[in-house]
């Protein structure tokens, strides 16, 4: 490469870092650090904040986004299909690895949970919002809806080895599914909420993103950071193998532009915090899952900028 070519590459790299990478990563990191400091210095009840997020703010965000989305029905279906196929391939990969390496039932369930469920809410939504803007965010929310259905609808049945009845019962008790139905109903029937009620729901929904990052920071402040072969393997599967699978799935479905970028970026997120709740309740090695959440979250600040940079060439 000539001197001019190297200089041009350097300018492009610096421009990307200043214009795309830092605006996407630093705001997310700052809010997480604030949550981390709050967890270390304040007597904050994490369970209360989590309940506020799960039962009020996140449903408001989902309902409001479906109500306001400008995505075509085809884009929504394509993204949901991409989530489903990617999750199925990840499940088959972990099952195959379990058979090849003769993993115990606890390790198999833990590895499946930490690989199958990315943190596309707490981490994914703000990252995509800062990196790709409002159009990227509404696609990221569609991904989160598909992932949440798998997380709360099918994962309990997989972890317990029981039927779907118990899983569906748990799902219907959460406001998530009802928020999806409410948002879709308002959208399909073209109902306009009176007295600025739609604006109130919108304000609640926007509050979900910073609170989710603060919760993540607090969670990091109380979880021990250690790395063994298990955590390293789980991190590689979650942060590198999963987005590669998503890339192949997106190409297979002929996704383009923001649809493909969001599918890859959301699939590259660290392990979801809610995975620990599922494993604790339905089976798996909870301490290992907690460590994997911490390791993948910290490591993602290295891998996510790389994957974001690579998606600029799609």
Protein backbone atom coordinates (compact mmCIF):
# COMPACT_ATOMS: atom_id res chain seq x y z
CA UNK A 1 0.00 0.00 0.00
CA UNK A 2 1.34 3.45 -0.92
CA UNK A 3 1.88 6.28 1.54
CA UNK A 4 -1.21 8.08 0.22
CA UNK A 5 -3.26 4.89 0.58
CA UNK A 6 -2.18 4.44 4.21
CA UNK A 7 -2.92 8.09 4.94
CA UNK A 8 -6.40 7.78 3.38
CA UNK A 9 -7.12 4.62 5.42
CA UNK A 10 -6.00 6.41 8.59
CA UNK A 11 -8.30 9.37 7.85
CA UNK A 12 -11.24 7.03 7.19
CA UNK A 13 -10.57 5.17 10.44
CA UNK A 14 -10.35 8.36 12.51
CA UNK A 15 -13.50 9.72 10.86
CA UNK A 16 -15.38 6.51 11.67
CA UNK A 17 -14.21 6.57 15.30
CA UNK A 18 -15.17 10.21 15.81
CA UNK A 19 -18.43 10.25 13.80
CA UNK A 20 -19.88 6.78 14.50
CA UNK A 21 -18.04 4.76 17.12
CA UNK A 22 -17.58 7.21 19.99
CA UNK A 23 -21.11 8.69 19.71
CA UNK A 24 -22.51 5.13 19.89
CA UNK A 25 -20.30 3.69 22.65
CA UNK A 26 -19.50 6.56 25.01
CA UNK A 27 -23.09 7.54 25.94
CA UNK A 28 -23.88 3.90 26.73
CA UNK A 29 -20.67 3.50 28.72
CA UNK A 30 -21.26 6.73 30.65
CA UNK A 31 -24.72 5.72 31.86
CA UNK A 32 -23.50 2.22 32.80
CA UNK A 33 -20.62 3.78 34.77
CA UNK A 34 -23.09 6.04 36.59
CA UNK A 35 -25.12 2.95 37.48
CA UNK A 36 -21.95 1.17 38.61
CA UNK A 37 -20.99 4.08 40.90
CA UNK A 38 -24.55 4.27 42.23
CA UNK A 39 -24.44 0.55 43.01
CA UNK A 40 -21.21 0.99 44.95
CA UNK A 41 -22.17 4.14 46.86
CA UNK A 42 -25.97 4.20 47.24
CA UNK A 43 -28.34 1.82 48.96
CA UNK A 44 -30.48 1.14 45.89
CA UNK A 45 -32.99 -1.71 45.73
CA UNK A 46 -32.15 -3.36 42.40
CA UNK A 47 -35.26 -5.53 42.48
CA UNK A 48 -37.51 -2.45 42.62
CA UNK A 49 -35.77 -0.84 39.66
CA UNK A 50 -36.00 -4.10 37.70
CA UNK A 51 -39.72 -4.38 38.42
CA UNK A 52 -40.22 -0.76 37.31
CA UNK A 53 -38.44 -1.57 34.06
CA UNK A 54 -40.13 -4.92 33.38
CA UNK A 55 -43.67 -4.03 34.37
CA UNK A 56 -43.99 -0.35 33.38
CA UNK A 57 -41.27 1.27 31.27
CA UNK A 58 -40.31 -1.55 28.87
CA UNK A 59 -43.96 -2.40 28.03
CA UNK A 60 -44.57 1.31 27.43
CA UNK A 61 -41.55 1.44 25.09
CA UNK A 62 -42.72 -1.59 23.13
CA UNK A 63 -46.35 -0.47 22.89
CA UNK A 64 -45.38 3.07 21.89
CA UNK A 65 -42.89 1.85 19.28
CA UNK A 66 -45.39 -0.48 17.63
CA UNK A 67 -47.98 2.31 17.70
CA UNK A 68 -45.63 4.79 16.00
CA UNK A 69 -43.53 2.50 13.79
CA UNK A 70 -43.19 3.28 10.11
CA UNK A 71 -41.82 -0.16 9.30
CA UNK A 72 -43.64 -2.14 6.67
CA UNK A 73 -45.31 -5.41 7.73
CA UNK A 74 -42.80 -7.21 5.49
CA UNK A 75 -39.81 -5.71 7.36
CA UNK A 76 -41.35 -6.68 10.69
CA UNK A 77 -41.97 -10.25 9.54
CA UNK A 78 -38.48 -10.52 8.05
CA UNK A 79 -36.83 -9.35 11.27
CA UNK A 80 -38.93 -11.68 13.44
CA UNK A 81 -38.14 -14.57 11.10
CA UNK A 82 -34.45 -13.66 11.31
CA UNK A 83 -34.59 -13.75 15.12
CA UNK A 84 -36.37 -17.12 15.09
CA UNK A 85 -33.98 -18.80 12.63
CA UNK A 86 -30.89 -17.36 14.35
CA UNK A 87 -32.13 -18.62 17.73
CA UNK A 88 -32.90 -22.05 16.30
CA UNK A 89 -29.41 -22.37 14.79
CA UNK A 90 -27.81 -21.27 18.08
CA UNK A 91 -29.89 -23.86 19.93
CA UNK A 92 -28.78 -26.60 17.53
CA UNK A 93 -25.13 -25.50 17.83
CA UNK A 94 -25.18 -25.67 21.65
CA UNK A 95 -26.95 -29.03 21.55
CA UNK A 96 -24.27 -30.35 19.17
CA UNK A 97 -21.44 -29.00 21.36
CA UNK A 98 -23.09 -30.59 24.40
CA UNK A 99 -23.13 -33.97 22.67
CA UNK A 100 -19.54 -33.66 21.40
CA UNK A 101 -18.05 -32.58 24.74
CA UNK A 102 -20.42 -34.58 26.94
CA UNK A 103 -21.53 -31.57 28.98
CA UNK A 104 -23.48 -32.11 32.17
CA UNK A 105 -27.14 -31.12 32.23
CA UNK A 106 -26.35 -28.04 34.37
CA UNK A 107 -23.57 -26.86 32.05
CA UNK A 108 -25.65 -27.53 28.94
CA UNK A 109 -28.60 -25.52 30.26
CA UNK A 110 -26.34 -22.68 31.41
CA UNK A 111 -24.44 -22.49 28.11
CA UNK A 112 -27.69 -22.62 26.16
CA UNK A 113 -29.24 -19.83 28.23
CA UNK A 114 -26.23 -17.50 28.06
CA UNK A 115 -25.75 -18.01 24.31
CA UNK A 116 -29.39 -17.96 23.25
CA UNK A 117 -30.45 -14.75 25.00
CA UNK A 118 -28.64 -11.50 24.08
CA UNK A 119 -29.11 -8.35 26.11
CA UNK A 120 -30.96 -6.63 23.28
CA UNK A 121 -33.00 -4.50 25.69
CA UNK A 122 -30.75 -2.96 28.36
CA UNK A 123 -27.72 -2.86 26.07
CA UNK A 124 -29.03 -3.34 22.54
CA UNK A 125 -31.67 -0.62 22.36
CA UNK A 126 -29.48 2.29 23.51
CA UNK A 127 -26.49 1.08 21.48
CA UNK A 128 -28.52 0.82 18.26
CA UNK A 129 -30.28 4.09 19.07
CA UNK A 130 -26.98 5.97 19.39
CA UNK A 131 -25.37 4.14 16.45
CA UNK A 132 -28.18 3.97 13.88
CA UNK A 133 -30.75 6.52 15.05
CA UNK A 134 -34.54 6.31 15.34
CA UNK A 135 -34.99 4.06 12.30
CA UNK A 136 -32.49 1.60 13.70
CA UNK A 137 -34.14 1.76 17.13
CA UNK A 138 -37.59 0.77 15.87
CA UNK A 139 -36.03 -2.26 14.15
CA UNK A 140 -34.10 -3.10 17.32
CA UNK A 141 -37.37 -3.08 19.26
CA UNK A 142 -38.90 -5.56 16.80
CA UNK A 143 -35.86 -7.80 17.38
CA UNK A 144 -36.31 -7.43 21.15
CA UNK A 145 -39.97 -8.46 20.88
CA UNK A 146 -39.06 -11.64 19.01
CA UNK A 147 -36.25 -12.38 21.45
CA UNK A 148 -38.52 -11.73 24.45
CA UNK A 149 -41.08 -14.22 23.14
CA UNK A 150 -38.32 -16.84 22.96
CA UNK A 151 -36.92 -15.83 26.37
CA UNK A 152 -40.19 -15.94 28.27
CA UNK A 153 -42.26 -18.23 26.05
CA UNK A 154 -39.95 -21.10 25.13
CA UNK A 155 -36.83 -20.94 27.32
CA UNK A 156 -38.58 -22.07 30.54
CA UNK A 157 -39.92 -25.15 28.75
CA UNK A 158 -36.46 -25.93 27.32
CA UNK A 159 -34.72 -25.50 30.69
CA UNK A 160 -37.25 -27.54 32.65
CA UNK A 161 -37.87 -30.15 29.97
CA UNK A 162 -41.63 -29.75 30.51
CA UNK A 163 -44.36 -28.69 28.11
CA UNK A 164 -45.16 -25.21 26.88
CA UNK A 165 -48.16 -24.80 29.18
CA UNK A 166 -46.17 -23.52 32.13
CA UNK A 167 -44.12 -21.25 29.88
CA UNK A 168 -47.20 -19.73 28.27
CA UNK A 169 -48.75 -19.22 31.70
CA UNK A 170 -45.65 -17.31 32.82
CA UNK A 171 -45.62 -15.26 29.61
CA UNK A 172 -49.26 -14.22 29.92
CA UNK A 173 -48.63 -12.96 33.46
CA UNK A 174 -46.08 -10.48 32.16
CA UNK A 175 -47.23 -7.15 30.65
CA UNK A 176 -44.89 -7.59 27.68
CA UNK A 177 -47.28 -9.64 25.56
CA UNK A 178 -50.22 -7.38 26.38
CA UNK A 179 -48.13 -4.33 25.45
CA UNK A 180 -47.39 -5.97 22.08
CA UNK A 181 -51.10 -6.62 21.51
CA UNK A 182 -52.04 -3.08 22.56
CA UNK A 183 -49.48 -1.47 20.28
CA UNK A 184 -50.43 -3.64 17.31
CA UNK A 185 -54.15 -2.99 17.86
CA UNK A 186 -53.67 0.77 17.96
CA UNK A 187 -51.50 0.60 14.85
CA UNK A 188 -53.67 -1.70 12.76
CA UNK A 189 -56.91 0.09 13.63
CA UNK A 190 -55.24 3.50 13.19
CA UNK A 191 -56.53 4.68 16.58
CA UNK A 192 -55.28 8.06 17.77
CA UNK A 193 -55.15 8.37 21.56
CA UNK A 194 -56.91 11.51 22.89
CA UNK A 195 -55.69 14.13 25.38
CA UNK A 196 -51.99 13.55 24.61
CA UNK A 197 -52.12 10.10 26.21
CA UNK A 198 -49.90 8.84 23.42
CA UNK A 199 -47.27 11.40 24.43
CA UNK A 200 -47.42 10.20 28.04
CA UNK A 201 -46.78 6.60 26.92
CA UNK A 202 -43.95 7.86 24.70
CA UNK A 203 -42.30 9.62 27.66
CA UNK A 204 -42.53 6.47 29.77
CA UNK A 205 -41.03 4.41 26.98
CA UNK A 206 -38.05 6.71 26.48
CA UNK A 207 -37.29 6.49 30.21
CA UNK A 208 -36.82 2.72 29.81
CA UNK A 209 -33.49 3.07 27.99
CA UNK A 210 -31.43 5.07 30.56
CA UNK A 211 -32.96 3.13 33.46
CA UNK A 212 -32.05 -0.17 31.81
CA UNK A 213 -28.41 0.95 31.52
CA UNK A 214 -28.36 2.10 35.15
CA UNK A 215 -29.71 -1.30 36.22
CA UNK A 216 -26.99 -2.98 34.19
CA UNK A 217 -24.33 -0.81 35.86
CA UNK A 218 -25.66 -1.68 39.33
CA UNK A 219 -25.69 -5.38 38.39
CA UNK A 220 -22.05 -5.15 37.31
CA UNK A 221 -21.11 -3.48 40.61
CA UNK A 222 -22.32 -6.46 42.66
CA UNK A 223 -21.12 -9.33 40.46
CA UNK A 224 -17.63 -10.80 40.72
CA UNK A 225 -15.52 -10.66 37.56
CA UNK A 226 -13.64 -13.94 36.90
CA UNK A 227 -12.73 -15.80 33.72
CA UNK A 228 -12.33 -19.56 33.32
CA UNK A 229 -12.45 -21.77 30.22
CA UNK A 230 -16.24 -21.94 30.56
CA UNK A 231 -16.74 -18.15 30.66
CA UNK A 232 -14.27 -17.71 27.79
CA UNK A 233 -16.09 -20.28 25.64
CA UNK A 234 -19.50 -18.80 26.49
CA UNK A 235 -18.22 -15.30 25.64
CA UNK A 236 -16.90 -16.37 22.23
CA UNK A 237 -20.21 -18.07 21.43
CA UNK A 238 -22.31 -15.09 22.50
CA UNK A 239 -20.25 -12.18 21.16
CA UNK A 240 -18.66 -13.63 18.01
CA UNK A 241 -20.34 -16.83 16.83
CA UNK A 242 -23.92 -15.58 17.32
CA UNK A 243 -23.52 -12.47 15.09
CA UNK A 244 -21.79 -14.59 12.43
CA UNK A 245 -24.82 -16.89 12.44
CA UNK A 246 -27.07 -13.81 12.21
CA UNK A 247 -25.09 -12.57 9.21
CA UNK A 248 -25.63 -15.84 7.33
CA UNK A 249 -29.32 -15.87 8.30
CA UNK A 250 -29.74 -12.26 7.13
CA UNK A 251 -28.10 -13.04 3.80
CA UNK A 252 -30.25 -16.15 3.44
CA UNK A 253 -33.39 -14.04 4.02
CA UNK A 254 -32.01 -11.36 1.65
CA UNK A 255 -32.14 -8.66 4.32
CA UNK A 256 -30.49 -5.38 3.41
CA UNK A 257 -29.56 -2.04 4.95
CA UNK A 258 -30.73 -1.34 8.48
CA UNK A 259 -32.66 -4.62 8.69
CA UNK A 260 -29.45 -6.63 8.25
CA UNK A 261 -27.33 -4.34 10.44
CA UNK A 262 -29.80 -4.47 13.32
CA UNK A 263 -30.14 -8.26 13.09
CA UNK A 264 -26.35 -8.60 13.38
CA UNK A 265 -25.82 -5.94 16.07
CA UNK A 266 -28.63 -7.18 18.29
CA UNK A 267 -27.32 -10.74 17.94
CA UNK A 268 -23.87 -9.51 19.04
CA UNK A 269 -25.04 -8.18 22.42
CA UNK A 270 -23.78 -9.66 25.71
CA UNK A 271 -25.83 -12.15 27.71
CA UNK A 272 -29.17 -10.82 28.99
CA UNK A 273 -29.43 -10.15 32.73
CA UNK A 274 -32.83 -11.88 32.77
CA UNK A 275 -31.02 -15.12 31.87
CA UNK A 276 -29.90 -15.36 35.49
CA UNK A 277 -33.52 -15.17 36.65
CA UNK A 278 -34.55 -17.95 34.26
CA UNK A 279 -31.68 -20.25 35.20
CA UNK A 280 -32.25 -19.69 38.92
CA UNK A 281 -35.90 -20.61 38.55
CA UNK A 282 -35.90 -23.32 35.89
CA UNK A 283 -32.47 -24.97 36.03
CA UNK A 284 -28.78 -24.32 35.36
CA UNK A 285 -25.61 -23.12 37.09
CA UNK A 286 -26.60 -19.68 38.40
CA UNK A 287 -23.11 -18.55 39.58
CA UNK A 288 -21.58 -19.43 36.20
CA UNK A 289 -24.37 -17.63 34.41
CA UNK A 290 -23.84 -14.52 36.57
CA UNK A 291 -20.10 -14.55 35.80
CA UNK A 292 -20.82 -15.02 32.09
CA UNK A 293 -23.14 -11.99 32.13
CA UNK A 294 -20.36 -9.86 33.61
CA UNK A 295 -17.62 -11.18 31.31
CA UNK A 296 -19.70 -10.81 28.13
CA UNK A 297 -20.86 -7.33 29.13
CA UNK A 298 -17.33 -6.06 29.80
CA UNK A 299 -15.88 -7.78 26.72
CA UNK A 300 -18.67 -6.40 24.50
CA UNK A 301 -17.14 -2.93 24.76
CA UNK A 302 -14.33 -4.36 22.64
CA UNK A 303 -16.34 -6.56 20.27
CA UNK A 304 -19.33 -4.29 19.61
CA UNK A 305 -17.29 -1.42 18.13
CA UNK A 306 -15.54 -3.94 15.87
CA UNK A 307 -18.84 -5.44 14.68
CA UNK A 308 -20.37 -1.98 14.22
CA UNK A 309 -17.39 -1.05 12.05
CA UNK A 310 -17.75 -4.24 10.01
CA UNK A 311 -21.46 -3.59 9.40
CA UNK A 312 -20.58 -0.32 7.67
CA UNK A 313 -19.33 -2.45 4.74
CA UNK A 314 -22.64 -4.32 4.34
